[in-house]
Amino acid sequence: MPGSAFSDASLHVTFVLREARKNAGLTQVQLAVALGKPQSFVAKVERGERRIGIVEFIEWANALGIAAVDLFAKVEQGIRTTTA
């Protein structure tokens, strides 16, 4: 269903965010502390139960020590691949 929280594009965003966290060597709890959010926030985003806005996306990238533009490029590349 287009626009669903579980669309291929949305699921790809969650995959990229989860992999970026893992690659940074952080647990969900550590990332949540860095974000000033509860661990359940990180878990819900990574499971695709909660979408994040652009500001939260930038904060997520910053907490991981990644340039938001680089993280977004990974999201965009994956979405282009799945919709092509």
Protein backbone atom coordinates (compact mmCIF):
# COMPACT_ATOMS: atom_id res chain seq x y z
CA MET A 1 0.00 0.00 0.00
CA PRO A 2 1.60 3.35 -1.02
CA GLY A 3 2.38 5.59 1.91
CA SER A 4 2.18 2.71 4.37
CA ALA A 5 4.67 2.64 7.22
CA PHE A 6 5.62 -0.73 5.78
CA SER A 7 6.22 0.26 2.15
CA ASP A 8 9.44 -0.97 0.56
CA ALA A 9 10.87 2.56 0.73
CA SER A 10 10.01 2.96 4.42
CA LEU A 11 11.41 -0.46 5.23
CA HIS A 12 14.62 0.48 3.45
CA VAL A 13 14.94 3.60 5.61
CA THR A 14 14.65 1.48 8.74
CA PHE A 15 17.22 -0.97 7.37
CA VAL A 16 19.71 1.82 6.67
CA LEU A 17 19.20 3.38 10.11
CA ARG A 18 19.58 0.04 11.89
CA GLU A 19 22.69 -0.93 9.91
CA ALA A 20 24.25 2.49 10.50
CA ARG A 21 23.74 2.06 14.25
CA LYS A 22 25.25 -1.41 14.21
CA ASN A 23 28.19 -0.26 12.08
CA ALA A 24 28.81 2.53 14.58
CA GLY A 25 29.05 -0.14 17.28
CA LEU A 26 26.17 1.24 19.33
CA THR A 27 23.35 -0.60 21.03
CA GLN A 28 19.81 0.71 20.86
CA VAL A 29 20.20 1.88 24.46
CA GLN A 30 23.41 3.80 23.69
CA LEU A 31 21.84 5.48 20.67
CA ALA A 32 18.73 6.34 22.65
CA VAL A 33 20.85 8.00 25.35
CA ALA A 34 22.71 10.01 22.69
CA LEU A 35 19.36 11.09 21.23
CA GLY A 36 17.81 11.85 24.60
CA LYS A 37 15.00 9.43 23.80
CA PRO A 38 13.84 6.15 25.36
CA GLN A 39 15.20 2.90 23.94
CA SER A 40 11.68 2.07 22.79
CA PHE A 41 11.86 5.02 20.36
CA VAL A 42 14.91 3.52 18.64
CA ALA A 43 13.34 0.06 18.62
CA LYS A 44 10.09 1.31 17.08
CA VAL A 45 11.93 3.23 14.37
CA GLU A 46 14.11 0.22 13.55
CA ARG A 47 11.07 -2.09 13.40
CA GLY A 48 9.25 0.31 11.11
CA GLU A 49 6.53 1.01 13.67
CA ARG A 50 7.41 4.69 13.86
CA ARG A 51 8.57 7.04 11.13
CA ILE A 52 11.00 9.84 11.85
CA GLY A 53 11.06 13.34 10.45
CA ILE A 54 14.00 15.00 8.77
CA VAL A 55 15.20 16.69 11.96
CA GLU A 56 15.15 13.36 13.80
CA PHE A 57 16.98 11.77 10.85
CA ILE A 58 19.72 14.40 11.12
CA GLU A 59 19.92 13.92 14.90
CA TRP A 60 20.17 10.13 14.38
CA ALA A 61 23.04 10.57 11.93
CA ASN A 62 24.81 13.04 14.21
CA ALA A 63 24.50 10.66 17.17
CA LEU A 64 26.19 8.00 15.05
CA GLY A 65 28.94 10.38 13.93
CA ILE A 66 27.80 10.18 10.30
CA ALA A 67 27.10 13.11 8.01
CA ALA A 68 23.35 13.17 7.47
CA VAL A 69 23.87 13.71 3.75
CA ASP A 70 25.91 10.49 3.54
CA LEU A 71 23.29 8.51 5.42
CA PHE A 72 20.55 10.00 3.26
CA ALA A 73 22.50 9.05 0.12
CA LYS A 74 22.38 5.40 1.24
CA VAL A 75 18.63 5.67 1.75
CA GLU A 76 18.13 7.32 -1.62
CA GLN A 77 20.30 4.78 -3.44
CA GLY A 78 18.34 1.89 -1.97
CA ILE A 79 14.99 3.44 -2.76
CA ARG A 80 16.03 4.09 -6.35
CA THR A 81 17.08 0.48 -6.65
CA THR A 82 13.80 -0.86 -5.28
CA THR A 83 11.62 1.40 -7.42
CA ALA A 84 13.55 1.03 -10.67
